[in-house]
C-alpha cells in the first residue's frame, strides 16, 4: 500500500501491468516513467477549470472528473521567507513554472 503520492508513483512504475491515478504535474515534475491513458478516447489535459473557452470541451470535462486540488495554507505570523515563497507561487513567474510541469496554476 502506498502512503503518499511518491510511493504510489513508484509502485506503479515497478509493478508490471499496474494501473492507478497520478497527477500529470507529478509525472512531469518527477520525470516518472508512467504511461498516461485515454478514457473514452480522451487524454487528460492540464488547465484551470475557469479557463475561458474550455468549459464545454470533452477533454476539459473529462479532466475535471480527475482533478486534484492542492492548497497553499498559511498561518498568521509566517516567516518572511515563507511569505516570499507564497507570493512567488501566485506570481506570474511562479504560475509559469507550475504550468511548464502540467500543474494547474493557482488563482
Protein backbone atom coordinates (compact mmCIF):
# COMPACT_ATOMS: atom_id res chain seq x y z
CA UNK A 1 0.00 0.00 0.00
CA UNK A 2 1.34 3.42 -0.98
CA UNK A 3 1.22 6.01 1.78
CA UNK A 4 1.93 9.12 -0.33
CA UNK A 5 1.99 10.30 -3.94
CA UNK A 6 5.65 9.38 -4.45
CA UNK A 7 5.15 5.83 -3.08
CA UNK A 8 2.10 5.48 -5.33
CA UNK A 9 4.00 6.53 -8.46
CA UNK A 10 6.97 4.34 -7.58
CA UNK A 11 4.72 1.33 -7.04
CA UNK A 12 3.00 1.92 -10.39
CA UNK A 13 6.38 2.17 -12.13
CA UNK A 14 7.66 -1.06 -10.60
CA UNK A 15 4.56 -3.27 -10.71
CA UNK A 16 4.14 -4.68 -14.20
CA UNK A 17 0.60 -4.31 -15.54
CA UNK A 18 -0.48 -1.93 -12.79
CA UNK A 19 -2.94 0.91 -13.28
CA UNK A 20 -3.53 3.87 -10.98
CA UNK A 21 -4.12 7.58 -10.66
CA UNK A 22 -1.23 10.06 -10.66
CA UNK A 23 -1.33 13.81 -11.31
CA UNK A 24 0.04 14.95 -14.67
CA UNK A 25 2.15 17.50 -12.82
CA UNK A 26 3.76 14.81 -10.70
CA UNK A 27 4.62 12.75 -13.76
CA UNK A 28 6.22 15.78 -15.43
CA UNK A 29 7.94 17.22 -12.36
CA UNK A 30 9.41 13.94 -11.14
CA UNK A 31 10.16 12.55 -14.61
CA UNK A 32 8.04 9.47 -13.88
CA UNK A 33 8.13 6.56 -16.32
CA UNK A 34 4.35 6.21 -16.49
CA UNK A 35 2.06 6.00 -19.49
CA UNK A 36 -0.92 8.37 -19.45
CA UNK A 37 -4.01 6.58 -20.70
CA UNK A 38 -7.03 7.95 -22.51
CA UNK A 39 -10.50 7.39 -21.10
CA UNK A 40 -13.26 7.10 -23.68
CA UNK A 41 -10.64 8.15 -26.22
CA UNK A 42 -9.82 11.39 -24.39
CA UNK A 43 -6.40 12.12 -22.88
CA UNK A 44 -6.31 14.24 -19.72
CA UNK A 45 -5.13 17.82 -20.07
CA UNK A 46 -3.72 20.36 -17.66
CA UNK A 47 -5.57 23.60 -17.17
CA UNK A 48 -7.67 25.53 -14.74
CA UNK A 49 -11.42 24.80 -14.61
CA UNK A 50 -12.10 28.51 -15.05
CA UNK A 51 -10.01 28.91 -18.21
CA UNK A 52 -12.26 30.51 -20.85
CA UNK A 53 -13.21 28.53 -23.92
CA UNK A 54 -12.57 25.11 -22.42
CA UNK A 55 -15.63 24.55 -20.29
CA UNK A 56 -17.65 22.68 -22.92
CA UNK A 57 -14.91 20.57 -24.49
CA UNK A 58 -15.00 16.84 -23.86
CA UNK A 59 -11.35 16.77 -22.81
CA UNK A 60 -11.96 19.57 -20.30
CA UNK A 61 -14.98 17.80 -18.81
CA UNK A 62 -13.02 14.54 -18.54
CA UNK A 63 -10.08 16.32 -16.93
CA UNK A 64 -12.36 17.89 -14.32
CA UNK A 65 -13.52 14.44 -13.28
CA UNK A 66 -9.97 13.62 -12.17
CA UNK A 67 -8.72 17.00 -11.00
CA UNK A 68 -6.66 17.10 -7.82
CA UNK A 69 -6.71 20.35 -5.92
CA UNK A 70 -3.66 21.44 -3.99
CA UNK A 71 -3.77 24.17 -1.39
CA UNK A 72 -1.15 26.51 0.00
CA UNK A 73 -2.10 27.01 3.64
CA UNK A 74 -0.65 29.90 5.60
CA UNK A 75 -0.98 30.89 9.23
CA UNK A 76 -0.80 34.35 10.70
CA UNK A 77 2.71 35.41 11.53
CA UNK A 78 4.55 33.25 8.99
CA UNK A 79 8.25 33.88 8.45
CA UNK A 80 9.36 36.38 5.83
CA UNK A 81 10.85 33.53 3.77
CA UNK A 82 7.56 31.60 3.80
CA UNK A 83 5.69 34.78 2.82
CA UNK A 84 8.12 35.34 -0.04
CA UNK A 85 7.57 31.76 -1.25
CA UNK A 86 3.78 32.16 -1.11
CA UNK A 87 3.98 35.38 -3.10
CA UNK A 88 6.20 33.67 -5.67
CA UNK A 89 3.80 30.75 -6.12
CA UNK A 90 1.00 33.18 -7.01
CA UNK A 91 3.20 35.45 -9.14
CA UNK A 92 3.25 35.24 -12.96
CA UNK A 93 6.72 33.62 -12.82
CA UNK A 94 5.56 31.02 -10.28
CA UNK A 95 2.46 30.26 -12.31
CA UNK A 96 4.54 29.88 -15.48
CA UNK A 97 6.81 27.34 -13.77
CA UNK A 98 3.83 25.35 -12.49
CA UNK A 99 2.30 25.38 -15.97
CA UNK A 100 5.52 24.11 -17.56
CA UNK A 101 5.16 20.95 -15.48
CA UNK A 102 1.43 20.44 -16.12
CA UNK A 103 0.35 21.75 -12.73
CA UNK A 104 -2.70 23.97 -12.83
CA UNK A 105 -1.68 27.49 -11.87
CA UNK A 106 -3.26 28.81 -8.67
CA UNK A 107 -5.86 31.56 -8.78
